[in-house]
Amino acid sequence: CAFVLISQELAPLYARFHKRFGWKGKRWYATFEMARTFFMMNLIR
């Protein structure tokens, strides 16, 4: 619950970050996002 709600609250900050750096559409960044989520869910599980 905490991870989901915190992500929702930080969504505007994420949007500004992606607009500033332009990484969102890049394949390497998508791989990083998947690895990050996998690591976080492993710790919770």
All heavy atoms as atom14 arrays in JSON, in Angstrom:
{
  "sequence": "CAFVLISQELAPLYARFHKRFGWKGKRWYATFEMARTFFMMNLIR",
  "atom14_mask": [
    [1, 1, 1, 1, 1, 1, 0, 0, 0, 0, 0, 0, 0, 0],
    [1, 1, 1, 1, 1, 0, 0, 0, 0, 0, 0, 0, 0, 0],
    [1, 1, 1, 1, 1, 1, 1, 1, 1, 1, 1, 0, 0, 0],
    [1, 1, 1, 1, 1, 1, 1, 0, 0, 0, 0, 0, 0, 0],
    [1, 1, 1, 1, 1, 1, 1, 1, 0, 0, 0, 0, 0, 0],
    [1, 1, 1, 1, 1, 1, 1, 1, 0, 0, 0, 0, 0, 0],
    [1, 1, 1, 1, 1, 1, 0, 0, 0, 0, 0, 0, 0, 0],
    [1, 1, 1, 1, 1, 1, 1, 1, 1, 0, 0, 0, 0, 0],
    [1, 1, 1, 1, 1, 1, 1, 1, 1, 0, 0, 0, 0, 0],
    [1, 1, 1, 1, 1, 1, 1, 1, 0, 0, 0, 0, 0, 0],
    [1, 1, 1, 1, 1, 0, 0, 0, 0, 0, 0, 0, 0, 0],
    [1, 1, 1, 1, 1, 1, 1, 0, 0, 0, 0, 0, 0, 0],
    [1, 1, 1, 1, 1, 1, 1, 1, 0, 0, 0, 0, 0, 0],
    [1, 1, 1, 1, 1, 1, 1, 1, 1, 1, 1, 1, 0, 0],
    [1, 1, 1, 1, 1, 0, 0, 0, 0, 0, 0, 0, 0, 0],
    [1, 1, 1, 1, 1, 1, 1, 1, 1, 1, 1, 0, 0, 0],
    [1, 1, 1, 1, 1, 1, 1, 1, 1, 1, 1, 0, 0, 0],
    [1, 1, 1, 1, 1, 1, 1, 1, 1, 1, 0, 0, 0, 0],
    [1, 1, 1, 1, 1, 1, 1, 1, 1, 0, 0, 0, 0, 0],
    [1, 1, 1, 1, 1, 1, 1, 1, 1, 1, 1, 0, 0, 0],
    [1, 1, 1, 1, 1, 1, 1, 1, 1, 1, 1, 0, 0, 0],
    [1, 1, 1, 1, 0, 0, 0, 0, 0, 0, 0, 0, 0, 0],
    [1, 1, 1, 1, 1, 1, 1, 1, 1, 1, 1, 1, 1, 1],
    [1, 1, 1, 1, 1, 1, 1, 1, 1, 0, 0, 0, 0, 0],
    [1, 1, 1, 1, 0, 0, 0, 0, 0, 0, 0, 0, 0, 0],
    [1, 1, 1, 1, 1, 1, 1, 1, 1, 0, 0, 0, 0, 0],
    [1, 1, 1, 1, 1, 1, 1, 1, 1, 1, 1, 0, 0, 0],
    [1, 1, 1, 1, 1, 1, 1, 1, 1, 1, 1, 1, 1, 1],
    [1, 1, 1, 1, 1, 1, 1, 1, 1, 1, 1, 1, 0, 0],
    [1, 1, 1, 1, 1, 0, 0, 0, 0, 0, 0, 0, 0, 0],
    [1, 1, 1, 1, 1, 1, 1, 0, 0, 0, 0, 0, 0, 0],
    [1, 1, 1, 1, 1, 1, 1, 1, 1, 1, 1, 0, 0, 0],
    [1, 1, 1, 1, 1, 1, 1, 1, 1, 0, 0, 0, 0, 0],
    [1, 1, 1, 1, 1, 1, 1, 1, 0, 0, 0, 0, 0, 0],
    [1, 1, 1, 1, 1, 0, 0, 0, 0, 0, 0, 0, 0, 0],
    [1, 1, 1, 1, 1, 1, 1, 1, 1, 1, 1, 0, 0, 0],
    [1, 1, 1, 1, 1, 1, 1, 0, 0, 0, 0, 0, 0, 0],
    [1, 1, 1, 1, 1, 1, 1, 1, 1, 1, 1, 0, 0, 0],
    [1, 1, 1, 1, 1, 1, 1, 1, 1, 1, 1, 0, 0, 0],
    [1, 1, 1, 1, 1, 1, 1, 1, 0, 0, 0, 0, 0, 0],
    [1, 1, 1, 1, 1, 1, 1, 1, 0, 0, 0, 0, 0, 0],
    [1, 1, 1, 1, 1, 1, 1, 1, 0, 0, 0, 0, 0, 0],
    [1, 1, 1, 1, 1, 1, 1, 1, 0, 0, 0, 0, 0, 0],
    [1, 1, 1, 1, 1, 1, 1, 1, 0, 0, 0, 0, 0, 0],
    [1, 1, 1, 1, 1, 1, 1, 1, 1, 1, 1, 0, 0, 0]
  ],
  "atom14_positions": [
    [[0.83, -1.2, 0.0], [0.0, 0.0, 0.0], [0.87, 1.25, 0.0], [0.61, 2.2, -0.76], [-0.92, -0.01, 1.22], [-2.0, 1.42, 1.36], [0.0, 0.0, 0.0], [0.0, 0.0, 0.0], [0.0, 0.0, 0.0], [0.0, 0.0, 0.0], [0.0, 0.0, 0.0], [0.0, 0.0, 0.0], [0.0, 0.0, 0.0], [0.0, 0.0, 0.0]],
    [[1.9, 1.27, 0.83], [2.78, 2.44, 0.92], [3.48, 2.71, -0.41], [3.52, 3.86, -0.87], [3.8, 2.23, 2.03], [0.0, 0.0, 0.0], [0.0, 0.0, 0.0], [0.0, 0.0, 0.0], [0.0, 0.0, 0.0], [0.0, 0.0, 0.0], [0.0, 0.0, 0.0], [0.0, 0.0, 0.0], [0.0, 0.0, 0.0], [0.0, 0.0, 0.0]],
    [[4.01, 1.67, -1.04], [4.7, 1.87, -2.31], [3.75, 2.4, -3.38], [4.1, 3.3, -4.16], [5.33, 0.56, -2.78], [6.7, 0.32, -2.21], [6.88, -0.47, -1.09], [7.81, 0.89, -2.81], [8.14, -0.68, -0.56], [9.08, 0.68, -2.29], [9.25, -0.1, -1.16], [0.0, 0.0, 0.0], [0.0, 0.0, 0.0], [0.0, 0.0, 0.0]],
    [[2.53, 1.86, -3.44], [1.57, 2.3, -4.46], [1.16, 3.75, -4.22], [1.16, 4.58, -5.16], [0.34, 1.38, -4.47], [-0.76, 1.97, -5.36], [0.71, -0.02, -4.95], [0.0, 0.0, 0.0], [0.0, 0.0, 0.0], [0.0, 0.0, 0.0], [0.0, 0.0, 0.0], [0.0, 0.0, 0.0], [0.0, 0.0, 0.0], [0.0, 0.0, 0.0]],
    [[0.83, 4.1, -2.97], [0.35, 5.45, -2.69], [1.47, 6.49, -2.83], [1.23, 7.6, -3.33], [-0.25, 5.51, -1.29], [-1.54, 4.7, -1.09], [-2.07, 4.88, 0.33], [-2.61, 5.1, -2.1], [0.0, 0.0, 0.0], [0.0, 0.0, 0.0], [0.0, 0.0, 0.0], [0.0, 0.0, 0.0], [0.0, 0.0, 0.0], [0.0, 0.0, 0.0]],
    [[2.66, 6.15, -2.38], [3.78, 7.08, -2.52], [4.07, 7.33, -4.0], [4.34, 8.47, -4.42], [5.02, 6.55, -1.79], [4.79, 6.61, -0.27], [6.26, 7.36, -2.16], [5.87, 5.92, 0.54], [0.0, 0.0, 0.0], [0.0, 0.0, 0.0], [0.0, 0.0, 0.0], [0.0, 0.0, 0.0], [0.0, 0.0, 0.0], [0.0, 0.0, 0.0]],
    [[4.01, 6.29, -4.81], [4.24, 6.46, -6.25], [3.18, 7.38, -6.86], [3.49, 8.22, -7.71], [4.2, 5.09, -6.96], [5.26, 4.27, -6.5], [0.0, 0.0, 0.0], [0.0, 0.0, 0.0], [0.0, 0.0, 0.0], [0.0, 0.0, 0.0], [0.0, 0.0, 0.0], [0.0, 0.0, 0.0], [0.0, 0.0, 0.0], [0.0, 0.0, 0.0]],
    [[1.93, 7.22, -6.42], [0.88, 8.1, -6.93], [1.12, 9.55, -6.53], [0.93, 10.47, -7.33], [-0.48, 7.62, -6.43], [-0.93, 6.3, -7.03], [-2.22, 5.8, -6.42], [-2.79, 6.41, -5.51], [-2.72, 4.67, -6.93], [0.0, 0.0, 0.0], [0.0, 0.0, 0.0], [0.0, 0.0, 0.0], [0.0, 0.0, 0.0], [0.0, 0.0, 0.0]],
    [[1.54, 9.77, -5.29], [1.79, 11.13, -4.81], [2.96, 11.79, -5.53], [2.97, 13.0, -5.75], [2.06, 11.11, -3.3], [0.8, 11.01, -2.46], [-0.1, 12.21, -2.69], [0.32, 13.35, -2.48], [-1.25, 11.98, -3.11], [0.0, 0.0, 0.0], [0.0, 0.0, 0.0], [0.0, 0.0, 0.0], [0.0, 0.0, 0.0], [0.0, 0.0, 0.0]],
    [[3.95, 10.97, -5.88], [5.14, 11.52, -6.53], [5.01, 11.59, -8.05], [5.97, 11.98, -8.73], [6.36, 10.67, -6.16], [6.77, 10.68, -4.68], [7.98, 9.78, -4.47], [7.06, 12.09, -4.19], [0.0, 0.0, 0.0], [0.0, 0.0, 0.0], [0.0, 0.0, 0.0], [0.0, 0.0, 0.0], [0.0, 0.0, 0.0], [0.0, 0.0, 0.0]],
    [[3.84, 11.21, -8.58], [3.66, 11.21, -10.04], [3.97, 12.56, -10.68], [4.65, 12.61, -11.72], [2.24, 10.76, -10.39], [0.0, 0.0, 0.0], [0.0, 0.0, 0.0], [0.0, 0.0, 0.0], [0.0, 0.0, 0.0], [0.0, 0.0, 0.0], [0.0, 0.0, 0.0], [0.0, 0.0, 0.0], [0.0, 0.0, 0.0], [0.0, 0.0, 0.0]],
    [[3.53, 13.71, -10.12], [3.9, 14.99, -10.74], [5.41, 15.24, -10.75], [5.95, 15.79, -11.71], [3.17, 16.02, -9.85], [2.04, 15.27, -9.24], [2.57, 13.9, -9.01], [0.0, 0.0, 0.0], [0.0, 0.0, 0.0], [0.0, 0.0, 0.0], [0.0, 0.0, 0.0], [0.0, 0.0, 0.0], [0.0, 0.0, 0.0], [0.0, 0.0, 0.0]],
    [[6.09, 14.81, -9.67], [7.54, 14.96, -9.61], [8.21, 14.1, -10.68], [9.15, 14.54, -11.35], [8.05, 14.58, -8.22], [9.56, 14.69, -7.99], [10.02, 16.13, -8.17], [9.92, 14.17, -6.6], [0.0, 0.0, 0.0], [0.0, 0.0, 0.0], [0.0, 0.0, 0.0], [0.0, 0.0, 0.0], [0.0, 0.0, 0.0], [0.0, 0.0, 0.0]],
    [[7.7, 12.86, -10.86], [8.23, 11.99, -11.9], [8.05, 12.62, -13.27], [8.95, 12.57, -14.13], [7.52, 10.64, -11.88], [7.75, 9.8, -10.65], [6.81, 8.86, -10.24], [8.91, 9.93, -9.9], [7.01, 8.08, -9.11], [9.11, 9.16, -8.77], [8.16, 8.24, -8.38], [8.36, 7.48, -7.26], [0.0, 0.0, 0.0], [0.0, 0.0, 0.0]],
    [[6.87, 13.22, -13.49], [6.6, 13.84, -14.8], [7.59, 14.96, -15.1], [8.1, 15.08, -16.22], [5.16, 14.35, -14.84], [0.0, 0.0, 0.0], [0.0, 0.0, 0.0], [0.0, 0.0, 0.0], [0.0, 0.0, 0.0], [0.0, 0.0, 0.0], [0.0, 0.0, 0.0], [0.0, 0.0, 0.0], [0.0, 0.0, 0.0], [0.0, 0.0, 0.0]],
    [[7.87, 15.8, -14.1], [8.84, 16.88, -14.29], [10.24, 16.33, -14.54], [11.0, 16.85, -15.37], [8.84, 17.82, -13.08], [7.57, 18.64, -12.95], [7.77, 19.81, -12.0], [8.09, 19.38, -10.65], [7.17, 19.14, -9.71], [5.87, 19.27, -10.0], [7.52, 18.78, -8.5], [0.0, 0.0, 0.0], [0.0, 0.0, 0.0], [0.0, 0.0, 0.0]],
    [[10.58, 15.27, -13.82], [11.89, 14.64, -13.99], [12.05, 14.11, -15.42], [13.07, 14.34, -16.08], [12.04, 13.51, -12.97], [13.3, 12.7, -13.13], [14.48, 13.11, -12.54], [13.3, 11.52, -13.87], [15.65, 12.37, -12.68], [14.45, 10.78, -14.01], [15.64, 11.2, -13.42], [0.0, 0.0, 0.0], [0.0, 0.0, 0.0], [0.0, 0.0, 0.0]],
    [[11.02, 13.41, -15.91], [11.11, 12.84, -17.25], [11.12, 13.93, -18.32], [11.79, 13.79, -19.35], [9.95, 11.88, -17.48], [9.99, 10.66, -16.62], [11.12, 9.88, -16.48], [9.04, 10.08, -15.82], [10.87, 8.87, -15.66], [9.61, 8.97, -15.24], [0.0, 0.0, 0.0], [0.0, 0.0, 0.0], [0.0, 0.0, 0.0], [0.0, 0.0, 0.0]],
    [[10.39, 15.0, -18.07], [10.39, 16.1, -19.02], [11.77, 16.77, -19.08], [12.23, 17.19, -20.14], [9.33, 17.12, -18.63], [9.17, 18.26, -19.62], [8.05, 19.19, -19.2], [7.9, 20.33, -20.19], [6.81, 21.27, -19.8], [0.0, 0.0, 0.0], [0.0, 0.0, 0.0], [0.0, 0.0, 0.0], [0.0, 0.0, 0.0], [0.0, 0.0, 0.0]],
    [[12.41, 16.85, -17.93], [13.72, 17.5, -17.85], [14.79, 16.67, -18.53], [15.63, 17.18, -19.28], [14.08, 17.74, -16.38], [15.51, 18.16, -16.12], [15.81, 19.55, -16.68], [17.15, 19.98, -16.36], [18.24, 19.63, -17.05], [18.13, 18.82, -18.12], [19.43, 20.08, -16.69], [0.0, 0.0, 0.0], [0.0, 0.0, 0.0], [0.0, 0.0, 0.0]],
    [[14.82, 15.34, -18.31], [15.93, 14.5, -18.8], [15.58, 13.71, -20.06], [16.48, 13.25, -20.75], [16.38, 13.54, -17.7], [17.05, 14.23, -16.55], [16.36, 14.53, -15.39], [18.38, 14.62, -16.63], [16.96, 15.17, -14.33], [19.01, 15.25, -15.58], [18.29, 15.55, -14.42], [0.0, 0.0, 0.0], [0.0, 0.0, 0.0], [0.0, 0.0, 0.0]],
    [[14.31, 13.5, -20.34], [13.91, 12.82, -21.56], [14.31, 11.36, -21.63], [14.58, 10.84, -22.73], [0.0, 0.0, 0.0], [0.0, 0.0, 0.0], [0.0, 0.0, 0.0], [0.0, 0.0, 0.0], [0.0, 0.0, 0.0], [0.0, 0.0, 0.0], [0.0, 0.0, 0.0], [0.0, 0.0, 0.0], [0.0, 0.0, 0.0], [0.0, 0.0, 0.0]],
    [[14.37, 10.67, -20.49], [14.77, 9.27, -20.48], [13.6, 8.3, -20.66], [13.81, 7.12, -20.93], [15.46, 8.93, -19.15], [16.76, 9.63, -18.96], [17.51, 10.25, -19.91], [17.48, 9.77, -17.72], [18.65, 10.77, -19.36], [18.66, 10.49, -18.01], [17.26, 9.35, -16.42], [19.6, 10.81, -17.03], [18.18, 9.65, -15.44], [19.35, 10.38, -15.74]],
    [[12.39, 8.78, -20.48], [11.24, 7.89, -20.36], [11.08, 6.94, -21.54], [10.76, 5.77, -21.35], [9.96, 8.73, -20.21], [8.71, 7.92, -19.91], [8.81, 7.2, -18.58], [7.52, 6.5, -18.22], [7.65, 5.72, -16.98], [0.0, 0.0, 0.0], [0.0, 0.0, 0.0], [0.0, 0.0, 0.0], [0.0, 0.0, 0.0], [0.0, 0.0, 0.0]],
    [[11.29, 7.38, -22.75], [11.06, 6.52, -23.91], [12.23, 5.66, -24.3], [12.13, 4.9, -25.27], [0.0, 0.0, 0.0], [0.0, 0.0, 0.0], [0.0, 0.0, 0.0], [0.0, 0.0, 0.0], [0.0, 0.0, 0.0], [0.0, 0.0, 0.0], [0.0, 0.0, 0.0], [0.0, 0.0, 0.0], [0.0, 0.0, 0.0], [0.0, 0.0, 0.0]],
    [[13.32, 5.72, -23.58], [14.53, 4.98, -23.96], [14.49, 3.56, -23.41], [14.04, 3.32, -22.3], [15.77, 5.71, -23.47], [15.92, 7.11, -24.09], [17.22, 7.74, -23.72], [17.36, 9.14, -24.31], [17.33, 9.09, -25.79], [0.0, 0.0, 0.0], [0.0, 0.0, 0.0], [0.0, 0.0, 0.0], [0.0, 0.0, 0.0], [0.0, 0.0, 0.0]],
    [[15.01, 2.64, -24.21], [14.95, 1.23, -23.83], [15.73, 0.94, -22.55], [15.3, 0.15, -21.71], [15.48, 0.37, -24.99], [15.39, -1.12, -24.74], [15.79, -1.9, -25.96], [14.88, -1.63, -27.08], [15.03, -2.18, -28.28], [16.05, -3.0, -28.53], [14.18, -1.89, -29.25], [0.0, 0.0, 0.0], [0.0, 0.0, 0.0], [0.0, 0.0, 0.0]],
    [[16.89, 1.56, -22.4], [17.69, 1.28, -21.21], [16.97, 1.75, -19.94], [17.08, 1.1, -18.89], [19.07, 1.95, -21.31], [19.06, 3.45, -21.2], [19.01, 4.34, -22.22], [19.1, 4.22, -19.99], [19.02, 5.63, -21.75], [19.07, 5.59, -20.36], [19.15, 3.9, -18.64], [19.09, 6.62, -19.42], [19.17, 4.93, -17.7], [19.14, 6.26, -18.1]],
    [[16.21, 2.85, -20.06], [15.51, 3.33, -18.88], [14.32, 2.42, -18.55], [14.01, 2.19, -17.37], [15.03, 4.76, -19.08], [14.48, 5.39, -17.82], [15.34, 5.76, -16.8], [13.12, 5.56, -17.64], [14.86, 6.33, -15.62], [12.63, 6.12, -16.47], [13.5, 6.49, -15.47], [13.01, 7.04, -14.3], [0.0, 0.0, 0.0], [0.0, 0.0, 0.0]],
    [[13.66, 1.9, -19.58], [12.58, 0.95, -19.34], [13.11, -0.31, -18.65], [12.48, -0.85, -17.73], [11.91, 0.58, -20.66], [0.0, 0.0, 0.0], [0.0, 0.0, 0.0], [0.0, 0.0, 0.0], [0.0, 0.0, 0.0], [0.0, 0.0, 0.0], [0.0, 0.0, 0.0], [0.0, 0.0, 0.0], [0.0, 0.0, 0.0], [0.0, 0.0, 0.0]],
    [[14.31, -0.75, -19.06], [14.94, -1.91, -18.4], [15.25, -1.59, -16.94], [15.04, -2.43, -16.05], [16.23, -2.29, -19.14], [15.91, -2.58, -20.5], [16.87, -3.51, -18.5], [0.0, 0.0, 0.0], [0.0, 0.0, 0.0], [0.0, 0.0, 0.0], [0.0, 0.0, 0.0], [0.0, 0.0, 0.0], [0.0, 0.0, 0.0], [0.0, 0.0, 0.0]],
    [[15.74, -0.38, -16.68], [16.0, 0.04, -15.31], [14.73, 0.03, -14.48], [14.72, -0.44, -13.32], [16.62, 1.44, -15.3], [16.54, 2.13, -13.97], [17.38, 1.76, -12.93], [15.6, 3.13, -13.74], [17.29, 2.38, -11.68], [15.5, 3.76, -12.51], [16.35, 3.39, -11.48], [0.0, 0.0, 0.0], [0.0, 0.0, 0.0], [0.0, 0.0, 0.0]],
    [[13.62, 0.54, -15.03], [12.35, 0.57, -14.3], [11.87, -0.84, -13.96], [11.38, -1.09, -12.85], [11.28, 1.31, -15.12], [11.49, 2.81, -15.22], [10.41, 3.47, -16.03], [10.22, 3.06, -17.21], [9.75, 4.39, -15.52], [0.0, 0.0, 0.0], [0.0, 0.0, 0.0], [0.0, 0.0, 0.0], [0.0, 0.0, 0.0], [0.0, 0.0, 0.0]],
    [[12.02, -1.77, -14.9], [11.6, -3.14, -14.64], [12.49, -3.79, -13.57], [11.99, -4.5, -12.68], [11.63, -3.95, -15.93], [10.51, -3.58, -16.91], [10.43, -4.63, -18.37], [11.82, -4.0, -19.32], [0.0, 0.0, 0.0], [0.0, 0.0, 0.0], [0.0, 0.0, 0.0], [0.0, 0.0, 0.0], [0.0, 0.0, 0.0], [0.0, 0.0, 0.0]],
    [[13.8, -3.55, -13.64], [14.7, -4.1, -12.64], [14.43, -3.51, -11.27], [14.45, -4.22, -10.25], [16.15, -3.83, -13.05], [0.0, 0.0, 0.0], [0.0, 0.0, 0.0], [0.0, 0.0, 0.0], [0.0, 0.0, 0.0], [0.0, 0.0, 0.0], [0.0, 0.0, 0.0], [0.0, 0.0, 0.0], [0.0, 0.0, 0.0], [0.0, 0.0, 0.0]],
    [[14.16, -2.2, -11.21], [13.83, -1.54, -9.95], [12.58, -2.13, -9.32], [12.55, -2.44, -8.12], [13.65, -0.06, -10.2], [13.23, 0.77, -8.99], [12.74, 2.13, -9.42], [11.56, 2.02, -10.27], [11.09, 3.03, -11.0], [11.69, 4.2, -11.0], [10.01, 2.86, -11.74], [0.0, 0.0, 0.0], [0.0, 0.0, 0.0], [0.0, 0.0, 0.0]],
    [[11.54, -2.32, -10.14], [10.29, -2.88, -9.63], [10.48, -4.32, -9.17], [9.97, -4.72, -8.12], [9.2, -2.82, -10.71], [9.03, -1.46, -11.13], [7.87, -3.35, -10.19], [0.0, 0.0, 0.0], [0.0, 0.0, 0.0], [0.0, 0.0, 0.0], [0.0, 0.0, 0.0], [0.0, 0.0, 0.0], [0.0, 0.0, 0.0], [0.0, 0.0, 0.0]],
    [[11.25, -5.09, -9.94], [11.53, -6.48, -9.57], [12.24, -6.53, -8.22], [11.88, -7.33, -7.34], [12.39, -7.12, -10.65], [12.77, -8.55, -10.39], [11.83, -9.56, -10.49], [14.08, -8.88, -10.04], [12.18, -10.89, -10.25], [14.43, -10.2, -9.8], [13.48, -11.2, -9.92], [0.0, 0.0, 0.0], [0.0, 0.0, 0.0], [0.0, 0.0, 0.0]],
    [[13.23, -5.66, -8.01], [13.97, -5.65, -6.76], [13.07, -5.25, -5.58], [13.09, -5.89, -4.53], [15.14, -4.67, -6.87], [15.94, -4.52, -5.61], [16.77, -5.53, -5.18], [15.84, -3.36, -4.85], [17.52, -5.4, -4.01], [16.57, -3.22, -3.68], [17.41, -4.24, -3.26], [0.0, 0.0, 0.0], [0.0, 0.0, 0.0], [0.0, 0.0, 0.0]],
    [[12.26, -4.21, -5.77], [11.37, -3.76, -4.69], [10.37, -4.84, -4.32], [10.13, -5.12, -3.13], [10.63, -2.48, -5.1], [11.5, -1.25, -5.14], [10.52, 0.27, -5.3], [9.67, -0.02, -6.85], [0.0, 0.0, 0.0], [0.0, 0.0, 0.0], [0.0, 0.0, 0.0], [0.0, 0.0, 0.0], [0.0, 0.0, 0.0], [0.0, 0.0, 0.0]],
    [[9.76, -5.48, -5.32], [8.77, -6.51, -5.03], [9.4, -7.74, -4.4], [8.77, -8.41, -3.58], [8.02, -6.88, -6.32], [7.15, -5.77, -6.88], [6.01, -5.05, -5.65], [5.12, -6.49, -5.1], [0.0, 0.0, 0.0], [0.0, 0.0, 0.0], [0.0, 0.0, 0.0], [0.0, 0.0, 0.0], [0.0, 0.0, 0.0], [0.0, 0.0, 0.0]],
    [[10.64, -8.05, -4.76], [11.34, -9.16, -4.11], [11.5, -8.9, -2.62], [11.29, -9.78, -1.79], [12.72, -9.36, -4.73], [12.65, -9.94, -6.13], [11.58, -10.3, -6.6], [13.79, -10.02, -6.79], [0.0, 0.0, 0.0], [0.0, 0.0, 0.0], [0.0, 0.0, 0.0], [0.0, 0.0, 0.0], [0.0, 0.0, 0.0], [0.0, 0.0, 0.0]],
    [[11.89, -7.67, -2.27], [12.08, -7.33, -0.86], [10.77, -7.42, -0.09], [10.73, -7.93, 1.03], [12.66, -5.92, -0.73], [14.09, -5.73, -1.25], [14.53, -4.28, -1.02], [15.06, -6.69, -0.56], [0.0, 0.0, 0.0], [0.0, 0.0, 0.0], [0.0, 0.0, 0.0], [0.0, 0.0, 0.0], [0.0, 0.0, 0.0], [0.0, 0.0, 0.0]],
    [[9.68, -6.93, -0.69], [8.38, -6.99, -0.01], [7.92, -8.44, 0.11], [7.43, -8.86, 1.17], [7.35, -6.15, -0.79], [7.73, -4.68, -0.77], [5.95, -6.33, -0.19], [6.84, -3.81, -1.63], [0.0, 0.0, 0.0], [0.0, 0.0, 0.0], [0.0, 0.0, 0.0], [0.0, 0.0, 0.0], [0.0, 0.0, 0.0], [0.0, 0.0, 0.0]],
    [[8.08, -9.21, -0.95], [7.56, -10.57, -0.95], [8.28, -11.46, 0.05], [7.72, -12.47, 0.52], [7.68, -11.17, -2.35], [6.89, -12.44, -2.52], [6.79, -12.86, -3.95], [6.06, -11.89, -4.76], [4.75, -11.72, -4.72], [4.02, -12.41, -3.86], [4.16, -10.85, -5.49], [0.0, 0.0, 0.0], [0.0, 0.0, 0.0], [0.0, 0.0, 0.0]]
  ]
}
